[in-house]
């Protein structure tokens, strides 16, 4: 049953269904309704042209995204325009927009200000101070001292500490994940959560309605609530009579956060599923990374959760009740931040571009999906051509073969500019990391693809100075020994049929 549901809700099935609707509509309007049908079809064509003109007028929209939707509407002028109208652009009802504005303004009232940390970063390195100021001003992401950090190069390393911290929880456990899948990992966590509820611990979990569509049984949230666990399901897939319930379906909550007792926080690339800790084998060895914070910086994760909880459940938690109560010695500064598709800022991409553009010596990157826009290509190529050592690590065994084809389609332009590309041969690389010049690292949930940059809710953490940066770099260099370097000769020897598929899939890449 899960396989059937996975297929029905796959992007490929939806694309075929739209094509069939388009063909059926065309036949109906032109063959059955005669004159009336032609008039209706002409009206729909005018509607499509209007949507395309609106699309080109959007100055803040990525050019690749515009190109995709233009192609869709040229090929399928009826369903293409309707599909864009509902899901190609971020639209909200007036009521939704007012509610989101209210939640955002309330959250900003509790935004910390840390001028001392920004000043210290300015003295340490003006380029990373500029990056930190951008995140502080536009993402309301505070840089923090007094935060102990720990880095996990593999999911199984993370899981041991994670379980122990859950067992030690005394007041609260907040979890926020894109995927929760039944199995050893979730069963172990769930057993602890049930026990903690009985001890009086406030346990809350948010998961994405699409990410868990085929991994959790129907009405699983009701079962969790019956055990005393508070649940928020983001954008559940359901039938509704309200059009507003369908406007956000293309936006998913891709975040990965756990906060324990307000003082310990986890983030990174790991979802709650057995492959992430290599308890089962999918696509070879699953390489993923995570981080642990303890101290003041945890509030950056907590406030992200509280804001999401308010949006999903309409329950407004008091931010002041969830501030950290401990300070830890630290040798660097941390800055947790989040991104939302409901503004025009593209925080995650801007942060990644900032690392590349500010680099003086090197930038090392890991990403499961290298599906990049023109801005990212230009920055990577220009940095490499300017003498910056740019290395990018991608999976050797893909989880989605068609996205892997798109990733490989970018190899030529990057290699020609001097960028080095490596494929992780033991299996699938799911880690999302940047590290640069021994002074900054980013670890989080945001992939280098259109969905993460423009359509998803994401969260990352920027680390400035200290041992954390060195640990991320060391992990990259250690993992590099397990990789195969991509050569221009390999790219030139790509079969013609594969190149054709790469071009075709790349056109559709902003939807994948």
Protein backbone atom coordinates (compact mmCIF):
# COMPACT_ATOMS: atom_id res chain seq x y z
CA UNK A 1 0.00 0.00 0.00
CA UNK A 2 2.84 2.41 0.82
CA UNK A 3 4.40 1.85 -2.61
CA UNK A 4 1.06 2.61 -4.28
CA UNK A 5 0.63 5.82 -2.27
CA UNK A 6 4.23 6.85 -2.93
CA UNK A 7 3.62 6.43 -6.67
CA UNK A 8 0.27 8.27 -6.65
CA UNK A 9 1.73 11.29 -4.87
CA UNK A 10 5.00 11.30 -6.81
CA UNK A 11 5.85 14.28 -9.00
CA UNK A 12 6.06 12.00 -12.05
CA UNK A 13 2.51 10.71 -11.58
CA UNK A 14 1.16 14.22 -11.06
CA UNK A 15 2.94 15.44 -14.23
CA UNK A 16 1.43 12.60 -16.28
CA UNK A 17 -2.00 13.25 -14.78
CA UNK A 18 -1.79 16.94 -15.72
CA UNK A 19 -0.79 16.01 -19.26
CA UNK A 20 -3.78 13.67 -19.56
CA UNK A 21 -6.10 16.38 -18.23
CA UNK A 22 -4.66 18.78 -20.80
CA UNK A 23 -5.19 16.35 -23.68
CA UNK A 24 -8.70 15.45 -22.53
CA UNK A 25 -9.63 19.11 -22.16
CA UNK A 26 -8.30 19.88 -25.62
CA UNK A 27 -10.26 17.03 -27.22
CA UNK A 28 -13.43 17.94 -25.32
CA UNK A 29 -13.30 21.62 -26.14
CA UNK A 30 -12.34 21.26 -29.79
CA UNK A 31 -14.22 18.10 -30.81
CA UNK A 32 -17.37 18.03 -28.68
CA UNK A 33 -18.32 21.58 -27.82
CA UNK A 34 -17.61 23.06 -31.29
CA UNK A 35 -18.08 26.85 -31.26
CA UNK A 36 -18.67 27.13 -27.54
CA UNK A 37 -15.68 24.92 -26.89
CA UNK A 38 -13.45 27.09 -29.07
CA UNK A 39 -14.53 30.19 -27.19
CA UNK A 40 -13.80 28.61 -23.83
CA UNK A 41 -10.43 27.35 -25.02
CA UNK A 42 -9.58 30.82 -26.36
CA UNK A 43 -10.48 32.34 -23.00
CA UNK A 44 -8.19 29.85 -21.27
CA UNK A 45 -5.40 30.71 -23.73
CA UNK A 46 -5.82 34.40 -22.89
CA UNK A 47 -5.66 33.45 -19.20
CA UNK A 48 -2.41 31.56 -19.85
CA UNK A 49 -0.88 34.52 -21.68
CA UNK A 50 -1.83 36.75 -18.77
CA UNK A 51 -0.14 34.39 -16.32
CA UNK A 52 3.02 34.35 -18.48
CA UNK A 53 3.13 38.16 -18.63
CA UNK A 54 2.73 38.26 -14.85
CA UNK A 55 5.53 35.72 -14.56
CA UNK A 56 7.96 37.80 -16.62
CA UNK A 57 7.06 40.92 -14.65
CA UNK A 58 8.23 39.29 -11.40
CA UNK A 59 11.69 40.81 -10.83
CA UNK A 60 12.32 38.81 -7.65
CA UNK A 61 11.73 35.41 -9.29
CA UNK A 62 14.64 33.19 -10.28
CA UNK A 63 15.16 33.15 -14.10
CA UNK A 64 15.35 29.34 -14.19
CA UNK A 65 12.02 29.16 -12.39
CA UNK A 66 10.49 31.55 -14.92
CA UNK A 67 11.86 29.46 -17.80
CA UNK A 68 10.41 26.26 -16.39
CA UNK A 69 6.91 27.65 -16.02
CA UNK A 70 7.04 29.31 -19.43
CA UNK A 71 7.87 25.94 -20.99
CA UNK A 72 5.09 24.27 -18.99
CA UNK A 73 2.52 26.83 -20.14
CA UNK A 74 3.63 26.67 -23.77
CA UNK A 75 3.32 22.88 -23.80
CA UNK A 76 0.19 22.73 -21.61
CA UNK A 77 -1.50 26.15 -21.90
CA UNK A 78 -4.58 25.12 -19.92
CA UNK A 79 -3.36 22.98 -17.05
CA UNK A 80 0.06 24.67 -17.01
CA UNK A 81 -1.40 28.08 -16.24
CA UNK A 82 -3.80 26.67 -13.66
CA UNK A 83 -1.04 24.67 -12.02
CA UNK A 84 1.17 27.77 -11.76
CA UNK A 85 -1.75 29.83 -10.48
CA UNK A 86 -2.24 27.45 -7.55
CA UNK A 87 1.26 26.11 -6.82
CA UNK A 88 3.90 27.87 -8.89
CA UNK A 89 3.79 31.06 -6.87
CA UNK A 90 3.44 31.71 -3.16
CA UNK A 91 -0.11 32.91 -2.68
CA UNK A 92 -2.01 33.24 0.53
CA UNK A 93 -5.53 34.20 1.37
CA UNK A 94 -5.88 37.54 3.14
CA UNK A 95 -6.65 35.71 6.37
CA UNK A 96 -3.54 33.52 6.03
CA UNK A 97 -1.31 36.51 5.31
CA UNK A 98 -2.59 38.42 8.32
CA UNK A 99 -2.04 35.40 10.55
CA UNK A 100 1.51 34.84 9.30
CA UNK A 101 2.36 38.52 9.73
CA UNK A 102 1.00 38.42 13.27
CA UNK A 103 3.06 35.33 14.14
CA UNK A 104 6.22 36.85 12.63
CA UNK A 105 5.82 40.17 14.43
CA UNK A 106 5.22 38.39 17.71
CA UNK A 107 8.37 36.29 17.24
CA UNK A 108 10.45 39.37 16.43
CA UNK A 109 9.48 40.94 19.75
CA UNK A 110 11.56 38.24 21.44
CA UNK A 111 14.53 38.53 19.09
CA UNK A 112 17.78 38.83 21.05
CA UNK A 113 20.35 41.48 20.24
CA UNK A 114 24.03 40.67 20.66
CA UNK A 115 26.11 43.61 19.51
CA UNK A 116 29.13 42.28 21.42
CA UNK A 117 29.24 39.10 19.34
CA UNK A 118 28.97 41.08 16.11
CA UNK A 119 31.77 43.39 17.24
CA UNK A 120 33.98 40.45 18.12
CA UNK A 121 33.35 38.95 14.68
CA UNK A 122 34.24 42.30 13.09
CA UNK A 123 37.60 42.23 14.85
CA UNK A 124 38.11 38.56 14.01
CA UNK A 125 37.24 38.82 10.32
CA UNK A 126 35.15 41.58 8.67
CA UNK A 127 33.85 39.23 5.95
CA UNK A 128 32.16 36.83 8.36
CA UNK A 129 30.94 39.77 10.44
CA UNK A 130 29.16 40.98 7.31
CA UNK A 131 27.56 37.55 6.92
CA UNK A 132 26.49 37.49 10.57
CA UNK A 133 24.98 40.97 10.36
CA UNK A 134 22.94 39.96 7.33
CA UNK A 135 21.49 36.94 9.13
CA UNK A 136 20.87 38.97 12.28
CA UNK A 137 19.05 41.76 10.43
CA UNK A 138 17.01 39.84 7.87
CA UNK A 139 16.54 36.38 9.41
CA UNK A 140 16.42 37.66 13.00
CA UNK A 141 19.14 35.12 13.77
CA UNK A 142 21.20 36.11 16.80
CA UNK A 143 24.90 35.17 17.07
CA UNK A 144 25.64 33.62 20.48
CA UNK A 145 28.61 33.08 22.79
CA UNK A 146 28.46 30.70 25.74
CA UNK A 147 27.44 27.70 23.66
CA UNK A 148 29.19 24.36 23.65
CA UNK A 149 29.19 22.56 20.29
CA UNK A 150 29.66 18.99 19.14
CA UNK A 151 29.85 17.67 15.59
CA UNK A 152 28.71 14.24 14.38
CA UNK A 153 30.21 12.94 11.12
CA UNK A 154 27.71 10.04 10.88
CA UNK A 155 24.13 9.47 11.93
CA UNK A 156 25.00 6.56 14.20
CA UNK A 157 27.45 8.80 16.11
CA UNK A 158 24.66 11.30 16.67
CA UNK A 159 22.09 8.72 17.79
CA UNK A 160 23.97 7.54 20.88
CA UNK A 161 24.14 11.05 22.42
CA UNK A 162 20.65 11.90 21.21
CA UNK A 163 19.05 8.96 23.00
CA UNK A 164 20.92 9.69 26.22
CA UNK A 165 19.83 13.34 26.19
CA UNK A 166 16.21 12.32 25.61
CA UNK A 167 16.39 9.94 28.56
CA UNK A 168 17.76 12.75 30.75
CA UNK A 169 14.98 15.22 29.85
CA UNK A 170 13.25 16.77 32.86
CA UNK A 171 10.99 19.52 31.50
CA UNK A 172 10.43 19.49 27.74
CA UNK A 173 11.23 17.77 24.45
CA UNK A 174 10.51 19.59 21.17
CA UNK A 175 11.02 17.69 17.89
CA UNK A 176 10.61 19.09 14.37
CA UNK A 177 11.27 16.83 11.34
CA UNK A 178 10.42 16.44 7.67
CA UNK A 179 10.34 12.62 7.79
CA UNK A 180 9.41 10.31 10.64
CA UNK A 181 9.49 6.66 9.61
CA UNK A 182 8.53 3.63 11.67
CA UNK A 183 11.46 1.39 12.51
CA UNK A 184 14.23 0.88 15.04
CA UNK A 185 15.17 4.57 15.27
CA UNK A 186 11.64 5.90 15.76
CA UNK A 187 10.54 2.99 17.96
CA UNK A 188 13.48 3.67 20.29
CA UNK A 189 12.67 7.39 20.44
CA UNK A 190 8.94 6.80 20.83
CA UNK A 191 9.46 4.48 23.80
CA UNK A 192 11.38 7.26 25.57
CA UNK A 193 8.79 9.90 24.66
CA UNK A 194 5.96 7.81 26.12
CA UNK A 195 7.90 7.33 29.33
CA UNK A 196 8.72 11.04 29.55
CA UNK A 197 5.08 12.03 29.14
CA UNK A 198 4.25 9.86 32.17
CA UNK A 199 6.97 11.69 34.10
CA UNK A 200 5.30 15.02 33.31
CA UNK A 201 7.68 16.16 30.56
CA UNK A 202 6.12 18.43 27.93
CA UNK A 203 6.63 16.48 24.67
CA UNK A 204 5.78 18.12 21.34
CA UNK A 205 6.52 17.00 17.80
CA UNK A 206 6.05 18.62 14.39
CA UNK A 207 6.32 16.58 11.20
CA UNK A 208 5.56 17.32 7.57
CA UNK A 209 2.33 15.96 6.09
CA UNK A 210 3.92 15.08 2.74
CA UNK A 211 7.25 13.86 4.14
CA UNK A 212 5.39 11.33 6.31
CA UNK A 213 2.65 10.50 3.80
CA UNK A 214 3.90 6.97 3.16
CA UNK A 215 6.07 6.50 6.27
CA UNK A 216 3.38 6.81 8.96
CA UNK A 217 -0.10 5.24 9.15
CA UNK A 218 -3.22 7.31 8.56
CA UNK A 219 -4.27 9.45 11.54
CA UNK A 220 -0.99 8.72 13.32
CA UNK A 221 -1.15 12.12 14.99
CA UNK A 222 -4.28 10.98 16.82
CA UNK A 223 -2.47 7.93 18.13
CA UNK A 224 0.41 10.08 19.39
CA UNK A 225 -2.03 12.40 21.14
CA UNK A 226 -3.65 9.42 22.84
CA UNK A 227 -0.27 8.78 24.48
CA UNK A 228 -0.04 12.39 25.69
CA UNK A 229 2.33 13.62 22.97
CA UNK A 230 1.36 16.99 21.49
CA UNK A 231 1.48 16.97 17.69
CA UNK A 232 1.50 19.48 14.85
CA UNK A 233 1.27 18.21 11.27
CA UNK A 234 2.50 20.70 8.68
CA UNK A 235 0.35 20.95 5.53
CA UNK A 236 -1.32 17.52 5.74
CA UNK A 237 -2.51 16.07 2.43
CA UNK A 238 -6.29 16.12 2.69
CA UNK A 239 -9.47 16.98 0.82
CA UNK A 240 -10.88 20.36 1.76
CA UNK A 241 -13.60 22.77 0.66
CA UNK A 242 -11.34 25.75 1.45
CA UNK A 243 -9.09 26.89 -1.40
CA UNK A 244 -6.55 28.22 1.10
CA UNK A 245 -5.77 24.64 2.17
CA UNK A 246 -4.35 23.94 -1.31
CA UNK A 247 -2.25 27.06 -1.85
CA UNK A 248 0.66 25.89 0.33
CA UNK A 249 0.92 22.27 -0.81
CA UNK A 250 4.07 22.92 -2.83
CA UNK A 251 5.81 24.30 0.29
CA UNK A 252 7.11 21.66 2.69
CA UNK A 253 8.69 21.86 6.14
CA UNK A 254 12.16 20.36 5.65
CA UNK A 255 13.60 21.33 9.04
CA UNK A 256 15.40 19.03 11.49
CA UNK A 257 15.37 20.23 15.10
CA UNK A 258 15.25 18.76 18.58
CA UNK A 259 15.37 20.88 21.74
CA UNK A 260 15.60 19.30 25.20
CA UNK A 261 14.92 21.24 28.43
CA UNK A 262 15.64 24.52 26.57
CA UNK A 263 19.38 23.92 27.05
CA UNK A 264 20.31 21.21 24.53
CA UNK A 265 19.58 21.41 20.82
CA UNK A 266 20.23 19.22 17.79
CA UNK A 267 20.23 20.08 14.09
CA UNK A 268 21.72 18.94 10.82
CA UNK A 269 20.60 16.76 7.93
CA UNK A 270 19.14 13.74 9.72
CA UNK A 271 15.49 12.76 9.61
CA UNK A 272 13.98 10.12 11.89
CA UNK A 273 14.38 6.98 9.78
CA UNK A 274 16.58 3.90 10.04
CA UNK A 275 18.73 4.59 6.96
CA UNK A 276 19.99 7.84 8.53
CA UNK A 277 21.77 5.87 11.26
CA UNK A 278 22.61 2.93 8.96
CA UNK A 279 20.34 0.60 10.91
CA UNK A 280 19.18 -0.54 7.46
CA UNK A 281 20.93 -0.32 4.11
CA UNK A 282 19.49 1.95 1.43
CA UNK A 283 21.74 3.16 -1.38
CA UNK A 284 24.87 1.84 0.31
CA UNK A 285 26.37 3.65 3.31
CA UNK A 286 24.23 6.64 4.28
CA UNK A 287 26.53 9.55 5.08
CA UNK A 288 24.87 12.32 7.08
CA UNK A 289 25.95 14.86 9.67
CA UNK A 290 24.50 16.60 12.72
CA UNK A 291 25.47 19.04 15.46
CA UNK A 292 24.68 19.44 19.14
CA UNK A 293 24.43 22.78 20.94
CA UNK A 294 24.32 23.33 24.68
CA UNK A 295 23.89 26.78 26.18
CA UNK A 296 22.63 30.16 24.99
CA UNK A 297 22.65 29.35 21.26
CA UNK A 298 19.94 26.71 21.71
CA UNK A 299 17.39 29.54 21.86
CA UNK A 300 17.85 30.02 18.11
CA UNK A 301 16.48 26.49 17.57
CA UNK A 302 13.79 26.84 20.24
CA UNK A 303 12.39 30.07 18.82
CA UNK A 304 12.22 28.48 15.35
CA UNK A 305 10.19 25.61 16.79
CA UNK A 306 7.86 27.92 18.76
CA UNK A 307 7.14 30.01 15.69
CA UNK A 308 6.38 26.90 13.61
CA UNK A 309 4.20 25.48 16.40
CA UNK A 310 2.19 28.70 16.47
CA UNK A 311 1.68 28.60 12.69
CA UNK A 312 0.60 24.95 12.62
CA UNK A 313 -1.43 24.57 15.81
CA UNK A 314 -2.47 28.19 16.51
CA UNK A 315 -1.09 27.79 20.05
CA UNK A 316 1.10 30.75 21.02
CA UNK A 317 3.74 29.56 23.46
CA UNK A 318 5.46 32.15 25.65
CA UNK A 319 8.99 32.57 24.24
CA UNK A 320 10.31 33.83 27.58
CA UNK A 321 9.43 30.52 29.26
CA UNK A 322 11.78 28.60 26.98
CA UNK A 323 15.05 30.49 27.22
CA UNK A 324 18.20 28.53 28.11
CA UNK A 325 19.16 28.51 31.75
CA UNK A 326 22.81 27.47 31.39
CA UNK A 327 25.91 29.05 29.90
CA UNK A 328 28.75 26.97 28.55
CA UNK A 329 32.32 27.85 27.71
CA UNK A 330 32.88 28.06 23.97
CA UNK A 331 35.75 28.76 21.62
CA UNK A 332 33.60 30.19 18.83
CA UNK A 333 30.30 31.86 18.00
CA UNK A 334 27.16 30.06 16.76
CA UNK A 335 24.28 31.53 14.78
CA UNK A 336 21.27 29.25 14.20
CA UNK A 337 18.98 30.56 11.46
CA UNK A 338 15.94 29.49 9.47
CA UNK A 339 14.36 30.18 6.09
CA UNK A 340 10.77 30.43 4.92
CA UNK A 341 9.30 30.55 1.38
CA UNK A 342 6.79 33.20 2.47
CA UNK A 343 9.17 36.11 1.94
CA UNK A 344 11.51 37.18 -0.87
CA UNK A 345 14.78 36.87 1.02
CA UNK A 346 16.09 33.34 0.17
CA UNK A 347 18.10 33.30 3.39
CA UNK A 348 19.71 29.88 2.91
CA UNK A 349 20.97 30.57 -0.60
CA UNK A 350 22.18 34.02 0.43
CA UNK A 351 24.13 32.48 3.33
CA UNK A 352 25.73 29.91 1.02
CA UNK A 353 26.59 32.59 -1.55
CA UNK A 354 28.07 34.71 1.23
CA UNK A 355 30.49 31.93 2.17
CA UNK A 356 31.60 31.53 -1.44
CA UNK A 357 31.90 35.24 -2.19
CA UNK A 358 33.81 36.01 1.04
CA UNK A 359 36.28 33.14 0.74
CA UNK A 360 39.97 33.91 0.40
CA UNK A 361 41.50 30.43 0.31
CA UNK A 362 39.00 27.57 0.03
CA UNK A 363 35.37 26.49 0.18
CA UNK A 364 34.46 22.82 0.72
CA UNK A 365 30.84 21.79 0.10
CA UNK A 366 28.80 18.62 0.56
CA UNK A 367 25.29 18.31 -0.86
CA UNK A 368 23.03 15.42 -1.87
CA UNK A 369 21.48 17.41 -4.73
CA UNK A 370 23.52 19.78 -6.89
CA UNK A 371 20.63 21.46 -8.71
CA UNK A 372 21.84 25.05 -8.83
CA UNK A 373 20.66 28.30 -10.35
CA UNK A 374 22.60 30.82 -12.41
CA UNK A 375 23.61 32.89 -9.36
CA UNK A 376 25.18 29.88 -7.67
CA UNK A 377 26.95 28.72 -10.85
CA UNK A 378 28.37 32.20 -11.41
CA UNK A 379 29.63 32.51 -7.83
CA UNK A 380 31.24 29.05 -7.79
CA UNK A 381 32.92 29.56 -11.15
CA UNK A 382 34.12 33.09 -10.40
CA UNK A 383 35.56 32.03 -7.04
CA UNK A 384 37.40 29.11 -8.61
CA UNK A 385 38.71 31.23 -11.47
CA UNK A 386 39.93 33.75 -8.87
CA UNK A 387 42.15 31.11 -7.29
CA UNK A 388 39.85 29.89 -4.51
CA UNK A 389 40.04 26.12 -3.94
CA UNK A 390 36.45 24.96 -4.50
CA UNK A 391 35.65 21.32 -3.80
CA UNK A 392 32.12 19.88 -4.01
CA UNK A 393 31.16 16.41 -2.76
CA UNK A 394 28.00 14.68 -4.03
CA UNK A 395 26.60 11.13 -3.73
CA UNK A 396 28.13 8.24 -5.63
CA UNK A 397 24.92 6.22 -5.26
CA UNK A 398 21.81 8.39 -5.74
CA UNK A 399 18.46 8.06 -4.02
CA UNK A 400 16.70 9.59 -7.07
CA UNK A 401 18.32 8.69 -10.40
CA UNK A 402 16.70 11.55 -12.32
CA UNK A 403 17.99 14.16 -9.83
CA UNK A 404 21.42 12.49 -10.11
CA UNK A 405 21.27 13.09 -13.87
CA UNK A 406 20.58 16.77 -13.22
CA UNK A 407 23.47 16.95 -10.74
CA UNK A 408 25.81 15.49 -13.36
CA UNK A 409 24.56 17.97 -15.97
CA UNK A 410 26.35 20.75 -14.05
CA UNK A 411 29.71 18.98 -14.01
CA UNK A 412 31.00 20.39 -17.29
CA UNK A 413 30.57 24.11 -16.55
CA UNK A 414 31.99 23.72 -13.04
CA UNK A 415 34.97 21.61 -14.11
CA UNK A 416 35.81 24.04 -16.92
CA UNK A 417 36.04 26.78 -14.27
CA UNK A 418 38.40 24.68 -12.13
CA UNK A 419 35.91 23.48 -9.51
CA UNK A 420 36.77 20.01 -8.21
CA UNK A 421 33.87 17.54 -7.94
CA UNK A 422 33.94 14.29 -5.98
CA UNK A 423 31.43 11.45 -5.73
CA UNK A 424 31.07 9.58 -2.44
CA UNK A 425 31.53 6.01 -3.66
CA UNK A 426 30.37 4.01 -0.55
CA UNK A 427 26.79 5.20 -0.94
CA UNK A 428 24.44 8.14 -0.56
CA UNK A 429 25.70 11.45 0.79
CA UNK A 430 22.86 13.34 2.52
CA UNK A 431 25.00 15.86 4.43
CA UNK A 432 24.55 19.59 3.76
CA UNK A 433 27.71 21.46 4.80
CA UNK A 434 29.93 24.38 3.88
CA UNK A 435 33.32 25.13 5.39
CA UNK A 436 35.65 27.96 4.41
CA UNK A 437 39.09 29.34 5.26
CA UNK A 438 39.22 27.66 8.70
CA UNK A 439 36.94 30.43 10.01
CA UNK A 440 33.35 29.49 9.12
CA UNK A 441 31.18 26.41 8.67
CA UNK A 442 27.48 25.87 8.00
CA UNK A 443 25.65 22.65 8.85
CA UNK A 444 21.92 22.23 8.41
CA UNK A 445 18.93 20.99 6.46
CA UNK A 446 19.16 23.04 3.24
CA UNK A 447 20.15 21.22 0.06
CA UNK A 448 21.63 23.00 -2.95
CA UNK A 449 18.48 22.70 -5.04
CA UNK A 450 15.52 24.86 -5.98
CA UNK A 451 13.16 23.33 -3.47
CA UNK A 452 15.41 24.07 -0.48
CA UNK A 453 16.35 27.53 -1.73
CA UNK A 454 12.89 28.73 -2.78
CA UNK A 455 10.07 26.40 -1.69
CA UNK A 456 10.93 24.75 1.63
CA UNK A 457 11.12 25.79 5.26
CA UNK A 458 14.72 25.11 6.32
CA UNK A 459 17.07 25.58 9.27
CA UNK A 460 20.87 25.74 9.47
CA UNK A 461 23.54 26.91 11.88
CA UNK A 462 26.56 29.01 11.04
CA UNK A 463 29.68 28.44 13.15
CA UNK A 464 32.38 31.12 13.34
CA UNK A 465 35.84 30.19 14.57
CA UNK A 466 36.50 27.54 17.19
CA UNK A 467 36.92 23.79 17.03
CA UNK A 468 33.61 23.16 15.26
CA UNK A 469 34.93 24.63 12.00
CA UNK A 470 38.00 22.42 12.21
CA UNK A 471 35.89 19.32 12.83
CA UNK A 472 33.73 19.97 9.78
CA UNK A 473 36.83 20.49 7.64
CA UNK A 474 38.48 17.35 9.01
CA UNK A 475 35.38 15.29 8.27
CA UNK A 476 35.32 16.59 4.69
CA UNK A 477 38.99 15.71 4.19
CA UNK A 478 38.50 12.24 5.73
CA UNK A 479 35.45 11.56 3.56
CA UNK A 480 37.35 12.76 0.50
CA UNK A 481 39.51 9.63 0.79
CA UNK A 482 36.38 7.56 0.11
CA UNK A 483 35.45 9.56 -2.98
CA UNK A 484 36.17 9.35 -6.69
CA UNK A 485 37.16 12.58 -8.41
CA UNK A 486 35.13 13.45 -11.49
CA UNK A 487 37.20 14.22 -14.59
CA UNK A 488 36.42 16.16 -17.73
CA UNK A 489 37.16 13.03 -19.75
CA UNK A 490 34.35 11.22 -17.94
CA UNK A 491 31.97 14.09 -18.70
CA UNK A 492 32.93 14.15 -22.38
CA UNK A 493 32.34 10.41 -22.60
CA UNK A 494 28.76 10.72 -21.36
CA UNK A 495 26.53 8.78 -23.81
CA UNK A 496 24.33 10.90 -26.08
CA UNK A 497 21.11 9.36 -24.73
CA UNK A 498 22.11 10.33 -21.19
CA UNK A 499 22.90 13.90 -22.23
CA UNK A 500 19.46 14.20 -23.78
CA UNK A 501 17.85 13.05 -20.52
CA UNK A 502 20.05 15.46 -18.55
CA UNK A 503 18.85 18.39 -20.65
CA UNK A 504 15.20 17.34 -20.40
CA UNK A 505 15.34 16.78 -16.63
CA UNK A 506 17.27 20.00 -16.07
CA UNK A 507 14.44 22.02 -17.60
CA UNK A 508 12.15 20.59 -14.92
CA UNK A 509 14.72 20.88 -12.13
CA UNK A 510 13.02 23.77 -10.25
CA UNK A 511 10.13 21.39 -9.48
CA UNK A 512 12.27 18.45 -8.31
